[in-house]
Protein backbone atom coordinates (compact mmCIF):
# COMPACT_ATOMS: atom_id res chain seq x y z
CA MET A 1 -0.04 -0.23 0.11
CA LYS A 2 1.36 3.53 -1.03
CA ALA A 3 0.98 6.52 1.25
CA ILE A 4 0.62 10.10 0.74
CA GLU A 5 0.85 12.61 3.80
CA PHE A 6 -0.35 16.19 3.58
CA VAL A 7 -1.65 18.74 5.97
CA THR A 8 -4.95 20.58 5.39
CA GLU A 9 -7.39 22.89 7.38
CA LEU A 10 -10.50 21.98 8.87
CA HIS A 11 -13.27 24.39 8.06
CA GLY A 12 -16.27 22.68 9.89
CA GLN A 13 -17.71 21.30 6.61
CA ASP A 14 -18.09 17.50 5.59
CA ALA A 15 -15.32 17.96 2.87
CA LEU A 16 -11.58 17.91 3.06
CA ASP A 17 -9.40 20.11 0.76
CA ILE A 18 -6.98 18.01 -1.08
CA PRO A 19 -3.68 19.94 -2.40
CA ARG A 20 -3.45 19.96 -6.19
CA GLN A 21 0.07 18.60 -6.01
CA VAL A 22 -1.48 15.36 -3.92
CA ALA A 23 -4.38 15.52 -5.88
CA ALA A 24 -2.11 14.82 -9.01
CA GLN A 25 -0.41 11.57 -7.51
CA LEU A 26 -3.81 9.78 -6.80
CA PRO A 27 -5.23 7.12 -8.93
CA ASP A 28 -8.36 7.78 -11.07
CA CYS A 29 -10.24 5.26 -9.22
CA GLY A 30 -10.16 2.60 -6.91
CA LYS A 31 -10.14 2.67 -2.89
CA ALA A 32 -8.35 4.40 -0.31
CA ARG A 33 -7.92 4.33 3.30
CA VAL A 34 -8.13 7.79 4.91
CA ILE A 35 -6.45 8.11 8.30
CA LEU A 36 -6.98 11.80 9.99
CA LEU A 37 -4.54 12.73 12.61
CA PHE A 38 -5.30 15.83 14.78
CA PRO A 39 -3.72 17.34 18.16
CA GLU A 40 -5.49 15.94 20.85
CA ASP A 41 -7.31 18.20 23.43
CA SER A 42 -4.94 18.67 26.42
CA GLU A 43 -7.88 18.09 28.76
CA ASP A 44 -8.06 14.76 27.31
CA ASN A 45 -4.57 13.80 27.98
CA ALA A 46 -5.13 15.13 31.53
CA TRP A 47 -8.05 12.85 32.08
CA ARG A 48 -6.42 9.86 30.05
CA MET A 49 -3.28 10.08 32.44
CA ALA A 50 -5.22 10.26 35.67
CA SER A 51 -7.42 7.26 34.64
CA TYR A 52 -3.96 5.38 34.00
CA GLU A 53 -2.64 6.33 37.28
CA GLN A 54 -5.46 5.67 39.18
CA PHE A 55 -5.52 1.98 37.57
CA MET A 56 -1.86 1.57 38.27
CA LYS A 57 -2.36 2.09 41.71
CA GLU A 58 -2.23 -0.74 44.34
CA ASP A 59 -5.50 -2.82 45.19
CA ALA A 60 -7.38 -1.89 48.25
CA SER A 61 -7.09 -4.02 51.07
CA GLU A 62 -10.56 -5.56 50.86
CA ASP A 63 -9.71 -6.72 47.14
CA SER A 64 -7.09 -9.05 48.74
CA VAL A 65 -9.72 -11.57 48.71
CA TYR A 66 -9.15 -12.17 45.13
CA ASP A 67 -5.38 -12.41 45.27
CA LYS A 68 -6.06 -15.51 47.65
CA TYR A 69 -8.66 -17.22 45.42
CA ALA A 70 -6.38 -16.67 42.20
CA GLN A 71 -3.42 -18.62 44.21
CA THR A 72 -5.54 -21.52 44.88
CA ARG A 73 -6.80 -22.34 41.38
């Protein structure tokens, strides 16, 4: 699969502008996979990191009953 990368501006419409030099490289027909990458919201990053940190914390002492169960199986 061949990849062509370019940057375009989003204008709140349901169509994307493809630069002319990029459009000239595209085949006349067929299928293409489109992947859009854009900067993440810093608030999303902070929430994701806090969730990960909470997940990685040690289990509460009341959850230790499950540790004993897992060892007996």
